[in-house]
Amino acid sequence: MGIYLIGCSASKNVVALSQADVDRVQTKYPGYTLAELNEGKVLYEKHCGNCHGLKPLNSQSEQGWNNVVPPMVQKANKKEGIEIGKRGEDLIIKYVTTMGPLKKGQ
């Protein structure tokens, strides 16, 4: 297990992910781990916050995030000269779609 340090102004309100968050994700993605969830969070905060302010996770529906993340990953790859890759894109999508959109009744 790795330790992730996030060093940016957008991290003032950093909230540690917990087993309860993993349990929430596992309802949609069985077998998903805390390490994977943290990796998606770090990728989102580092790369998405690098080009523009971080959007609130509940600012998009699940479908909205699925439509927004892939082209944004492509833009980040070009702008930053990096390769987030399909796995990284998938981690970001799983993080934002399970931690963000409000469920009915919330």
PDB file of N, CA and C in Angstrom:
ATOM      1  N   MET A   1       0.849  -1.175   0.000  1.00  0.00           N
ATOM      2  CA  MET A   1       0.000   0.000   0.000  1.00  0.00           C
ATOM      3  C   MET A   1       0.888   1.228   0.000  1.00  0.00           C
ATOM      4  N   GLY A   2       0.544   2.218  -0.814  1.00  0.00           N
ATOM      5  CA  GLY A   2       1.342   3.422  -0.908  1.00  0.00           C
ATOM      6  C   GLY A   2       0.736   4.562  -0.121  1.00  0.00           C
ATOM      7  N   ILE A   3       1.556   5.563   0.113  1.00  0.00           N
ATOM      8  CA  ILE A   3       1.092   6.774   0.768  1.00  0.00           C
ATOM      9  C   ILE A   3       1.035   7.854  -0.289  1.00  0.00           C
ATOM     10  N   TYR A   4      -0.071   8.552  -0.366  1.00  0.00           N
ATOM     11  CA  TYR A   4      -0.235   9.595  -1.351  1.00  0.00           C
ATOM     12  C   TYR A   4      -0.247  10.937  -0.645  1.00  0.00           C
ATOM     13  N   LEU A   5       0.558  11.844  -1.137  1.00  0.00           N
ATOM     14  CA  LEU A   5       0.564  13.207  -0.634  1.00  0.00           C
ATOM     15  C   LEU A   5       0.003  14.094  -1.715  1.00  0.00           C
ATOM     16  N   ILE A   6      -0.894  14.943  -1.327  1.00  0.00           N
ATOM     17  CA  ILE A   6      -1.516  15.830  -2.296  1.00  0.00           C
ATOM     18  C   ILE A   6      -1.090  17.241  -1.926  1.00  0.00           C
ATOM     19  N   GLY A   7      -0.399  17.899  -2.824  1.00  0.00           N
ATOM     20  CA  GLY A   7       0.094  19.237  -2.535  1.00  0.00           C
ATOM     21  C   GLY A   7      -0.435  20.254  -3.510  1.00  0.00           C
ATOM     22  N   CYS A   8      -1.630  20.741  -3.246  1.00  0.00           N
ATOM     23  CA  CYS A   8      -2.163  21.803  -4.088  1.00  0.00           C
ATOM     24  C   CYS A   8      -3.173  22.588  -3.281  1.00  0.00           C
ATOM     25  N   SER A   9      -3.459  23.794  -3.734  1.00  0.00           N
ATOM     26  CA  SER A   9      -4.379  24.642  -2.985  1.00  0.00           C
ATOM     27  C   SER A   9      -5.785  24.068  -2.941  1.00  0.00           C
ATOM     28  N   ALA A  10      -6.137  23.228  -3.904  1.00  0.00           N
ATOM     29  CA  ALA A  10      -7.480  22.646  -3.933  1.00  0.00           C
ATOM     30  C   ALA A  10      -7.657  21.588  -2.860  1.00  0.00           C
ATOM     31  N   SER A  11      -6.575  21.227  -2.166  1.00  0.00           N
ATOM     32  CA  SER A  11      -6.663  20.144  -1.193  1.00  0.00           C
ATOM     33  C   SER A  11      -6.944  20.637   0.223  1.00  0.00           C
ATOM     34  N   LYS A  12      -7.349  21.885   0.394  1.00  0.00           N
ATOM     35  CA  LYS A  12      -7.644  22.414   1.727  1.00  0.00           C
ATOM     36  C   LYS A  12      -8.694  21.591   2.450  1.00  0.00           C
ATOM     37  N   ASN A  13      -9.659  21.095   1.711  1.00  0.00           N
ATOM     38  CA  ASN A  13     -10.751  20.338   2.311  1.00  0.00           C
ATOM     39  C   ASN A  13     -10.619  18.854   2.028  1.00  0.00           C
ATOM     40  N   VAL A  14      -9.401  18.350   2.051  1.00  0.00           N
ATOM     41  CA  VAL A  14      -9.163  16.940   1.763  1.00  0.00           C
ATOM     42  C   VAL A  14      -9.844  16.083   2.821  1.00  0.00           C
ATOM     43  N   VAL A  15     -10.593  15.124   2.362  1.00  0.00           N
ATOM     44  CA  VAL A  15     -11.270  14.189   3.245  1.00  0.00           C
ATOM     45  C   VAL A  15     -10.702  12.812   2.960  1.00  0.00           C
ATOM     46  N   ALA A  16     -10.257  12.144   4.007  1.00  0.00           N
ATOM     47  CA  ALA A  16      -9.720  10.795   3.840  1.00  0.00           C
ATOM     48  C   ALA A  16     -10.846   9.839   3.499  1.00  0.00           C
ATOM     49  N   LEU A  17     -10.567   8.954   2.588  1.00  0.00           N
ATOM     50  CA  LEU A  17     -11.550   7.938   2.223  1.00  0.00           C
ATOM     51  C   LEU A  17     -11.524   6.824   3.257  1.00  0.00           C
ATOM     52  N   SER A  18     -12.661   6.209   3.457  1.00  0.00           N
ATOM     53  CA  SER A  18     -12.794   5.199   4.503  1.00  0.00           C
ATOM     54  C   SER A  18     -13.367   3.900   3.946  1.00  0.00           C
ATOM     55  N   GLN A  19     -13.444   2.911   4.807  1.00  0.00           N
ATOM     56  CA  GLN A  19     -14.040   1.635   4.413  1.00  0.00           C
ATOM     57  C   GLN A  19     -15.512   1.821   4.027  1.00  0.00           C
ATOM     58  N   ALA A  20     -16.187   2.764   4.665  1.00  0.00           N
ATOM     59  CA  ALA A  20     -17.585   3.040   4.297  1.00  0.00           C
ATOM     60  C   ALA A  20     -17.674   3.507   2.844  1.00  0.00           C
ATOM     61  N   ASP A  21     -16.693   4.300   2.400  1.00  0.00           N
ATOM     62  CA  ASP A  21     -16.658   4.741   1.007  1.00  0.00           C
ATOM     63  C   ASP A  21     -16.421   3.555   0.078  1.00  0.00           C
ATOM     64  N   VAL A  22     -15.519   2.665   0.474  1.00  0.00           N
ATOM     65  CA  VAL A  22     -15.243   1.467  -0.320  1.00  0.00           C
ATOM     66  C   VAL A  22     -16.500   0.618  -0.416  1.00  0.00           C
ATOM     67  N   ASP A  23     -17.202   0.460   0.704  1.00  0.00           N
ATOM     68  CA  ASP A  23     -18.447  -0.314   0.691  1.00  0.00           C
ATOM     69  C   ASP A  23     -19.446   0.291  -0.288  1.00  0.00           C
ATOM     70  N   ARG A  24     -19.509   1.613  -0.331  1.00  0.00           N
ATOM     71  CA  ARG A  24     -20.411   2.318  -1.260  1.00  0.00           C
ATOM     72  C   ARG A  24     -20.019   2.007  -2.705  1.00  0.00           C
ATOM     73  N   VAL A  25     -18.716   2.056  -3.004  1.00  0.00           N
ATOM     74  CA  VAL A  25     -18.235   1.786  -4.353  1.00  0.00           C
ATOM     75  C   VAL A  25     -18.476   0.333  -4.727  1.00  0.00           C
ATOM     76  N   GLN A  26     -18.289  -0.567  -3.768  1.00  0.00           N
ATOM     77  CA  GLN A  26     -18.412  -1.998  -4.054  1.00  0.00           C
ATOM     78  C   GLN A  26     -19.834  -2.414  -4.398  1.00  0.00           C
ATOM     79  N   THR A  27     -20.825  -1.596  -4.076  1.00  0.00           N
ATOM     80  CA  THR A  27     -22.182  -1.939  -4.490  1.00  0.00           C
ATOM     81  C   THR A  27     -22.294  -1.902  -6.010  1.00  0.00           C
ATOM     82  N   LYS A  28     -21.477  -1.072  -6.644  1.00  0.00           N
ATOM     83  CA  LYS A  28     -21.486  -0.969  -8.104  1.00  0.00           C
ATOM     84  C   LYS A  28     -20.318  -1.724  -8.729  1.00  0.00           C
ATOM     85  N   TYR A  29     -19.176  -1.717  -8.050  1.00  0.00           N
ATOM     86  CA  TYR A  29     -17.954  -2.355  -8.563  1.00  0.00           C
ATOM     87  C   TYR A  29     -17.423  -3.332  -7.517  1.00  0.00           C
ATOM     88  N   PRO A  30     -17.989  -4.538  -7.455  1.00  0.00           N
ATOM     89  CA  PRO A  30     -17.548  -5.520  -6.457  1.00  0.00           C
ATOM     90  C   PRO A  30     -16.039  -5.782  -6.561  1.00  0.00           C
ATOM     91  N   GLY A  31     -15.400  -5.893  -5.413  1.00  0.00           N
ATOM     92  CA  GLY A  31     -13.975  -6.171  -5.361  1.00  0.00           C
ATOM     93  C   GLY A  31     -13.095  -4.931  -5.432  1.00  0.00           C
ATOM     94  N   TYR A  32     -13.702  -3.773  -5.624  1.00  0.00           N
ATOM     95  CA  TYR A  32     -12.935  -2.527  -5.680  1.00  0.00           C
ATOM     96  C   TYR A  32     -12.298  -2.272  -4.323  1.00  0.00           C
ATOM     97  N   THR A  33     -11.070  -1.793  -4.324  1.00  0.00           N
ATOM     98  CA  THR A  33     -10.321  -1.641  -3.079  1.00  0.00           C
ATOM     99  C   THR A  33     -10.168  -0.185  -2.664  1.00  0.00           C
ATOM    100  N   LEU A  34      -9.795   0.013  -1.407  1.00  0.00           N
ATOM    101  CA  LEU A  34      -9.512   1.350  -0.897  1.00  0.00           C
ATOM    102  C   LEU A  34      -8.332   1.958  -1.654  1.00  0.00           C
ATOM    103  N   ALA A  35      -7.329   1.158  -1.980  1.00  0.00           N
ATOM    104  CA  ALA A  35      -6.172   1.652  -2.729  1.00  0.00           C
ATOM    105  C   ALA A  35      -6.598   2.175  -4.106  1.00  0.00           C
ATOM    106  N   GLU A  36      -7.487   1.456  -4.792  1.00  0.00           N
ATOM    107  CA  GLU A  36      -7.966   1.894  -6.100  1.00  0.00           C
ATOM    108  C   GLU A  36      -8.794   3.170  -5.980  1.00  0.00           C
ATOM    109  N   LEU A  37      -9.636   3.236  -4.955  1.00  0.00           N
ATOM    110  CA  LEU A  37     -10.454   4.416  -4.744  1.00  0.00           C
ATOM    111  C   LEU A  37      -9.567   5.628  -4.465  1.00  0.00           C
ATOM    112  N   ASN A  38      -8.554   5.448  -3.629  1.00  0.00           N
ATOM    113  CA  ASN A  38      -7.607   6.524  -3.343  1.00  0.00           C
ATOM    114  C   ASN A  38      -6.847   6.939  -4.591  1.00  0.00           C
ATOM    115  N   GLU A  39      -6.465   5.979  -5.403  1.00  0.00           N
ATOM    116  CA  GLU A  39      -5.733   6.294  -6.635  1.00  0.00           C
ATOM    117  C   GLU A  39      -6.601   7.132  -7.575  1.00  0.00           C
ATOM    118  N   GLY A  40      -7.878   6.783  -7.695  1.00  0.00           N
ATOM    119  CA  GLY A  40      -8.798   7.582  -8.513  1.00  0.00           C
ATOM    120  C   GLY A  40      -8.949   8.990  -7.975  1.00  0.00           C
ATOM    121  N   LYS A  41      -9.019   9.115  -6.659  1.00  0.00           N
ATOM    122  CA  LYS A  41      -9.141  10.421  -6.003  1.00  0.00           C
ATOM    123  C   LYS A  41      -7.906  11.266  -6.277  1.00  0.00           C
ATOM    124  N   VAL A  42      -6.733  10.677  -6.111  1.00  0.00           N
ATOM    125  CA  VAL A  42      -5.480  11.396  -6.333  1.00  0.00           C
ATOM    126  C   VAL A  42      -5.363  11.838  -7.797  1.00  0.00           C
ATOM    127  N   LEU A  43      -5.698  10.944  -8.729  1.00  0.00           N
ATOM    128  CA  LEU A  43      -5.643  11.305 -10.149  1.00  0.00           C
ATOM    129  C   LEU A  43      -6.604  12.454 -10.452  1.00  0.00           C
ATOM    130  N   TYR A  44      -7.807  12.379  -9.909  1.00  0.00           N
ATOM    131  CA  TYR A  44      -8.798  13.447 -10.118  1.00  0.00           C
ATOM    132  C   TYR A  44      -8.276  14.770  -9.582  1.00  0.00           C
ATOM    133  N   GLU A  45      -7.821  14.767  -8.335  1.00  0.00           N
ATOM    134  CA  GLU A  45      -7.375  16.011  -7.710  1.00  0.00           C
ATOM    135  C   GLU A  45      -6.123  16.569  -8.382  1.00  0.00           C
ATOM    136  N   LYS A  46      -5.210  15.708  -8.751  1.00  0.00           N
ATOM    137  CA  LYS A  46      -3.952  16.170  -9.343  1.00  0.00           C
ATOM    138  C   LYS A  46      -4.152  16.675 -10.772  1.00  0.00           C
ATOM    139  N   HIS A  47      -4.768  15.882 -11.608  1.00  0.00           N
ATOM    140  CA  HIS A  47      -4.838  16.223 -13.026  1.00  0.00           C
ATOM    141  C   HIS A  47      -6.035  17.100 -13.374  1.00  0.00           C
ATOM    142  N   CYS A  48      -7.181  16.839 -12.795  1.00  0.00           N
ATOM    143  CA  CYS A  48      -8.355  17.652 -13.120  1.00  0.00           C
ATOM    144  C   CYS A  48      -8.232  19.036 -12.489  1.00  0.00           C
ATOM    145  N   GLY A  49      -7.644  19.100 -11.305  1.00  0.00           N
ATOM    146  CA  GLY A  49      -7.446  20.380 -10.641  1.00  0.00           C
ATOM    147  C   GLY A  49      -6.289  21.173 -11.209  1.00  0.00           C
ATOM    148  N   ASN A  50      -5.479  20.553 -12.035  1.00  0.00           N
ATOM    149  CA  ASN A  50      -4.318  21.217 -12.617  1.00  0.00           C
ATOM    150  C   ASN A  50      -4.722  22.185 -13.729  1.00  0.00           C
ATOM    151  N   CYS A  51      -5.810  21.868 -14.444  1.00  0.00           N
ATOM    152  CA  CYS A  51      -6.247  22.713 -15.561  1.00  0.00           C
ATOM    153  C   CYS A  51      -7.323  23.718 -15.147  1.00  0.00           C
ATOM    154  N   HIS A  52      -8.147  23.361 -14.213  1.00  0.00           N
ATOM    155  CA  HIS A  52      -9.256  24.206 -13.764  1.00  0.00           C
ATOM    156  C   HIS A  52      -9.568  23.833 -12.329  1.00  0.00           C
ATOM    157  N   GLY A  53     -10.358  24.612 -11.663  1.00  0.00           N
ATOM    158  CA  GLY A  53     -10.747  24.260 -10.301  1.00  0.00           C
ATOM    159  C   GLY A  53     -11.482  22.938 -10.283  1.00  0.00           C
ATOM    160  N   LEU A  54     -11.331  22.213  -9.194  1.00  0.00           N
ATOM    161  CA  LEU A  54     -12.034  20.935  -9.071  1.00  0.00           C
ATOM    162  C   LEU A  54     -13.533  21.178  -9.000  1.00  0.00           C
ATOM    163  N   LYS A  55     -14.248  20.440  -9.786  1.00  0.00           N
ATOM    164  CA  LYS A  55     -15.709  20.525  -9.785  1.00  0.00           C
ATOM    165  C   LYS A  55     -16.245  19.710  -8.614  1.00  0.00           C
ATOM    166  N   PRO A  56     -17.292  20.191  -7.949  1.00  0.00           N
ATOM    167  CA  PRO A  56     -17.888  19.379  -6.894  1.00  0.00           C
ATOM    168  C   PRO A  56     -18.314  18.028  -7.475  1.00  0.00           C
ATOM    169  N   LEU A  57     -18.076  16.971  -6.727  1.00  0.00           N
ATOM    170  CA  LEU A  57     -18.373  15.632  -7.240  1.00  0.00           C
ATOM    171  C   LEU A  57     -19.859  15.434  -7.517  1.00  0.00           C
ATOM    172  N   ASN A  58     -20.705  16.215  -6.876  1.00  0.00           N
ATOM    173  CA  ASN A  58     -22.142  16.079  -7.129  1.00  0.00           C
ATOM    174  C   ASN A  58     -22.628  17.061  -8.200  1.00  0.00           C
ATOM    175  N   SER A  59     -21.688  17.657  -8.952  1.00  0.00           N
ATOM    176  CA  SER A  59     -22.073  18.606  -9.995  1.00  0.00           C
ATOM    177  C   SER A  59     -22.517  17.921 -11.286  1.00  0.00           C
ATOM    178  N   GLN A  60     -22.269  16.624 -11.396  1.00  0.00           N
ATOM    179  CA  GLN A  60     -22.637  15.863 -12.590  1.00  0.00           C
ATOM    180  C   GLN A  60     -23.386  14.597 -12.169  1.00  0.00           C
ATOM    181  N   SER A  61     -24.222  14.143 -13.048  1.00  0.00           N
ATOM    182  CA  SER A  61     -24.823  12.820 -12.866  1.00  0.00           C
ATOM    183  C   SER A  61     -23.765  11.787 -13.245  1.00  0.00           C
ATOM    184  N   GLU A  62     -24.064  10.523 -13.011  1.00  0.00           N
ATOM    185  CA  GLU A  62     -23.145   9.467 -13.426  1.00  0.00           C
ATOM    186  C   GLU A  62     -22.902   9.544 -14.933  1.00  0.00           C
ATOM    187  N   GLN A  63     -23.963   9.701 -15.704  1.00  0.00           N
ATOM    188  CA  GLN A  63     -23.813   9.795 -17.156  1.00  0.00           C
ATOM    189  C   GLN A  63     -23.011  11.036 -17.531  1.00  0.00           C
ATOM    190  N   GLY A  64     -23.239  12.130 -16.820  1.00  0.00           N
ATOM    191  CA  GLY A  64     -22.480  13.353 -17.084  1.00  0.00           C
ATOM    192  C   GLY A  64     -20.985  13.137 -16.908  1.00  0.00           C
ATOM    193  N   TRP A  65     -20.597  12.489 -15.791  1.00  0.00           N
ATOM    194  CA  TRP A  65     -19.176  12.206 -15.561  1.00  0.00           C
ATOM    195  C   TRP A  65     -18.628  11.272 -16.638  1.00  0.00           C
ATOM    196  N   ASN A  66     -19.433  10.284 -17.031  1.00  0.00           N
ATOM    197  CA  ASN A  66     -18.985   9.359 -18.080  1.00  0.00           C
ATOM    198  C   ASN A  66     -18.763  10.075 -19.409  1.00  0.00           C
ATOM    199  N   ASN A  67     -19.487  11.159 -19.632  1.00  0.00           N
ATOM    200  CA  ASN A  67     -19.316  11.943 -20.857  1.00  0.00           C
ATOM    201  C   ASN A  67     -18.171  12.948 -20.751  1.00  0.00           C
ATOM    202  N   VAL A  68     -17.922  13.465 -19.565  1.00  0.00           N
ATOM    203  CA  VAL A  68     -16.937  14.527 -19.359  1.00  0.00           C
ATOM    204  C   VAL A  68     -15.513  13.994 -19.179  1.00  0.00           C
ATOM    205  N   VAL A  69     -15.351  12.935 -18.413  1.00  0.00           N
ATOM    206  CA  VAL A  69     -14.004  12.483 -18.043  1.00  0.00           C
ATOM    207  C   VAL A  69     -13.139  12.068 -19.245  1.00  0.00           C
ATOM    208  N   PRO A  70     -13.610  11.229 -20.164  1.00  0.00           N
ATOM    209  CA  PRO A  70     -12.718  10.805 -21.256  1.00  0.00           C
ATOM    210  C   PRO A  70     -12.110  11.956 -22.072  1.00  0.00           C
ATOM    211  N   PRO A  71     -12.905  12.955 -22.521  1.00  0.00           N
ATOM    212  CA  PRO A  71     -12.256  14.042 -23.269  1.00  0.00           C
ATOM    213  C   PRO A  71     -11.334  14.896 -22.388  1.00  0.00           C
ATOM    214  N   MET A  72     -11.658  15.017 -21.103  1.00  0.00           N
ATOM    215  CA  MET A  72     -10.793  15.776 -20.207  1.00  0.00           C
ATOM    216  C   MET A  72      -9.462  15.048 -19.983  1.00  0.00           C
ATOM    217  N   VAL A  73      -9.500  13.730 -19.929  1.00  0.00           N
ATOM    218  CA  VAL A  73      -8.263  12.946 -19.802  1.00  0.00           C
ATOM    219  C   VAL A  73      -7.396  13.185 -21.034  1.00  0.00           C
ATOM    220  N   GLN A  74      -8.011  13.190 -22.213  1.00  0.00           N
ATOM    221  CA  GLN A  74      -7.255  13.450 -23.441  1.00  0.00           C
ATOM    222  C   GLN A  74      -6.612  14.830 -23.408  1.00  0.00           C
ATOM    223  N   LYS A  75      -7.370  15.831 -22.942  1.00  0.00           N
ATOM    224  CA  LYS A  75      -6.833  17.192 -22.850  1.00  0.00           C
ATOM    225  C   LYS A  75      -5.679  17.253 -21.848  1.00  0.00           C
ATOM    226  N   ALA A  76      -5.847  16.599 -20.710  1.00  0.00           N
ATOM    227  CA  ALA A  76      -4.779  16.596 -19.691  1.00  0.00           C
ATOM    228  C   ALA A  76      -3.533  15.912 -20.233  1.00  0.00           C
ATOM    229  N   ASN A  77      -3.714  14.821 -20.951  1.00  0.00           N
ATOM    230  CA  ASN A  77      -2.570  14.117 -21.531  1.00  0.00           C
ATOM    231  C   ASN A  77      -1.789  15.034 -22.470  1.00  0.00           C
ATOM    232  N   LYS A  78      -2.501  15.790 -23.301  1.00  0.00           N
ATOM    233  CA  LYS A  78      -1.842  16.688 -24.244  1.00  0.00           C
ATOM    234  C   LYS A  78      -1.197  17.868 -23.520  1.00  0.00           C
ATOM    235  N   LYS A  79      -1.942  18.489 -22.620  1.00  0.00           N
ATOM    236  CA  LYS A  79      -1.457  19.691 -21.943  1.00  0.00           C
ATOM    237  C   LYS A  79      -0.274  19.390 -21.032  1.00  0.00           C
ATOM    238  N   GLU A  80      -0.364  18.304 -20.288  1.00  0.00           N
ATOM    239  CA  GLU A  80       0.663  17.976 -19.308  1.00  0.00           C
ATOM    240  C   GLU A  80       1.762  17.098 -19.897  1.00  0.00           C
ATOM    241  N   GLY A  81       1.574  16.611 -21.118  1.00  0.00           N
ATOM    242  CA  GLY A  81       2.557  15.735 -21.725  1.00  0.00           C
ATOM    243  C   GLY A  81       2.723  14.423 -20.971  1.00  0.00           C
ATOM    244  N   ILE A  82       1.598  13.905 -20.495  1.00  0.00           N
ATOM    245  CA  ILE A  82       1.595  12.661 -19.712  1.00  0.00           C
ATOM    246  C   ILE A  82       0.697  11.642 -20.394  1.00  0.00           C
ATOM    247  N   GLU A  83       0.608  10.486 -19.811  1.00  0.00           N
ATOM    248  CA  GLU A  83      -0.313   9.471 -20.303  1.00  0.00           C
ATOM    249  C   GLU A  83      -1.048   8.900 -19.104  1.00  0.00           C
ATOM    250  N   ILE A  84      -2.233   9.445 -18.844  1.00  0.00           N
ATOM    251  CA  ILE A  84      -3.047   8.921 -17.750  1.00  0.00           C
ATOM    252  C   ILE A  84      -3.457   7.489 -18.074  1.00  0.00           C
ATOM    253  N   GLY A  85      -3.765   7.217 -19.319  1.00  0.00           N
ATOM    254  CA  GLY A  85      -4.088   5.864 -19.749  1.00  0.00           C
ATOM    255  C   GLY A  85      -5.510   5.451 -19.425  1.00  0.00           C
ATOM    256  N   LYS A  86      -5.916   4.333 -19.994  1.00  0.00           N
ATOM    257  CA  LYS A  86      -7.280   3.816 -19.810  1.00  0.00           C
ATOM    258  C   LYS A  86      -7.531   3.436 -18.360  1.00  0.00           C
ATOM    259  N   ARG A  87      -6.530   2.828 -17.707  1.00  0.00           N
ATOM    260  CA  ARG A  87      -6.700   2.430 -16.309  1.00  0.00           C
ATOM    261  C   ARG A  87      -6.926   3.667 -15.436  1.00  0.00           C
ATOM    262  N   GLY A  88      -6.127   4.700 -15.647  1.00  0.00           N
ATOM    263  CA  GLY A  88      -6.279   5.932 -14.877  1.00  0.00           C
ATOM    264  C   GLY A  88      -7.626   6.587 -15.127  1.00  0.00           C
ATOM    265  N   GLU A  89      -8.041   6.607 -16.382  1.00  0.00           N
ATOM    266  CA  GLU A  89      -9.349   7.155 -16.731  1.00  0.00           C
ATOM    267  C   GLU A  89     -10.451   6.381 -16.011  1.00  0.00           C
ATOM    268  N   ASP A  90     -10.337   5.068 -16.014  1.00  0.00           N
ATOM    269  CA  ASP A  90     -11.312   4.215 -15.343  1.00  0.00           C
ATOM    270  C   ASP A  90     -11.343   4.490 -13.835  1.00  0.00           C
ATOM    271  N   LEU A  91     -10.181   4.660 -13.230  1.00  0.00           N
ATOM    272  CA  LEU A  91     -10.115   4.954 -11.792  1.00  0.00           C
ATOM    273  C   LEU A  91     -10.783   6.289 -11.476  1.00  0.00           C
ATOM    274  N   ILE A  92     -10.535   7.292 -12.318  1.00  0.00           N
ATOM    275  CA  ILE A  92     -11.167   8.597 -12.107  1.00  0.00           C
ATOM    276  C   ILE A  92     -12.681   8.473 -12.240  1.00  0.00           C
ATOM    277  N   ILE A  93     -13.134   7.807 -13.299  1.00  0.00           N
ATOM    278  CA  ILE A  93     -14.583   7.652 -13.513  1.00  0.00           C
ATOM    279  C   ILE A  93     -15.224   6.922 -12.332  1.00  0.00           C
ATOM    280  N   LYS A  94     -14.620   5.857 -11.877  1.00  0.00           N
ATOM    281  CA  LYS A  94     -15.200   5.114 -10.754  1.00  0.00           C
ATOM    282  C   LYS A  94     -15.222   5.959  -9.489  1.00  0.00           C
ATOM    283  N   TYR A  95     -14.203   6.770  -9.280  1.00  0.00           N
ATOM    284  CA  TYR A  95     -14.179   7.646  -8.109  1.00  0.00           C
ATOM    285  C   TYR A  95     -15.295   8.691  -8.194  1.00  0.00           C
ATOM    286  N   VAL A  96     -15.351   9.436  -9.292  1.00  0.00           N
ATOM    287  CA  VAL A  96     -16.327  10.531  -9.366  1.00  0.00           C
ATOM    288  C   VAL A  96     -17.764  10.046  -9.478  1.00  0.00           C
ATOM    289  N   THR A  97     -17.982   8.899 -10.140  1.00  0.00           N
ATOM    290  CA  THR A  97     -19.359   8.435 -10.310  1.00  0.00           C
ATOM    291  C   THR A  97     -19.915   7.766  -9.062  1.00  0.00           C
ATOM    292  N   THR A  98     -19.064   7.273  -8.204  1.00  0.00           N
ATOM    293  CA  THR A  98     -19.584   6.631  -6.988  1.00  0.00           C
ATOM    294  C   THR A  98     -19.522   7.554  -5.782  1.00  0.00           C
ATOM    295  N   MET A  99     -18.613   8.501  -5.773  1.00  0.00           N
ATOM    296  CA  MET A  99     -18.496   9.401  -4.626  1.00  0.00           C
ATOM    297  C   MET A  99     -19.273  10.697  -4.823  1.00  0.00           C
ATOM    298  N   GLY A 100     -19.716  10.967  -6.043  1.00  0.00           N
ATOM    299  CA  GLY A 100     -20.334  12.243  -6.322  1.00  0.00           C
ATOM    300  C   GLY A 100     -21.830  12.270  -6.450  1.00  0.00           C
ATOM    301  N   PRO A 101     -22.375  11.682  -7.512  1.00  0.00           N
ATOM    302  CA  PRO A 101     -23.806  11.862  -7.769  1.00  0.00           C
ATOM    303  C   PRO A 101     -24.661  11.423  -6.587  1.00  0.00           C
ATOM    304  N   LEU A 102     -25.579  12.293  -6.234  1.00  0.00           N
ATOM    305  CA  LEU A 102     -26.472  11.951  -5.136  1.00  0.00           C
ATOM    306  C   LEU A 102     -27.437  10.875  -5.568  1.00  0.00           C
ATOM    307  N   LYS A 103     -27.676   9.963  -4.688  1.00  0.00           N
ATOM    308  CA  LYS A 103     -28.640   8.897  -4.941  1.00  0.00           C
ATOM    309  C   LYS A 103     -30.018   9.371  -4.518  1.00  0.00           C
ATOM    310  N   LYS A 104     -31.044   8.793  -5.103  1.00  0.00           N
ATOM    311  CA  LYS A 104     -32.410   9.132  -4.695  1.00  0.00           C
ATOM    312  C   LYS A 104     -32.570   8.877  -3.207  1.00  0.00           C
ATOM    313  N   GLY A 105     -33.209   9.831  -2.546  1.00  0.00           N
ATOM    314  CA  GLY A 105     -33.447   9.678  -1.111  1.00  0.00           C
ATOM    315  C   GLY A 105     -32.361  10.292  -0.241  1.00  0.00           C
ATOM    316  N   GLN A 106     -31.299  10.847  -0.853  1.00  0.00           N
ATOM    317  CA  GLN A 106     -30.247  11.470  -0.041  1.00  0.00           C
ATOM    318  C   GLN A 106     -30.528  12.938   0.124  1.00  0.00           C
TER     319      GLN A 106
END
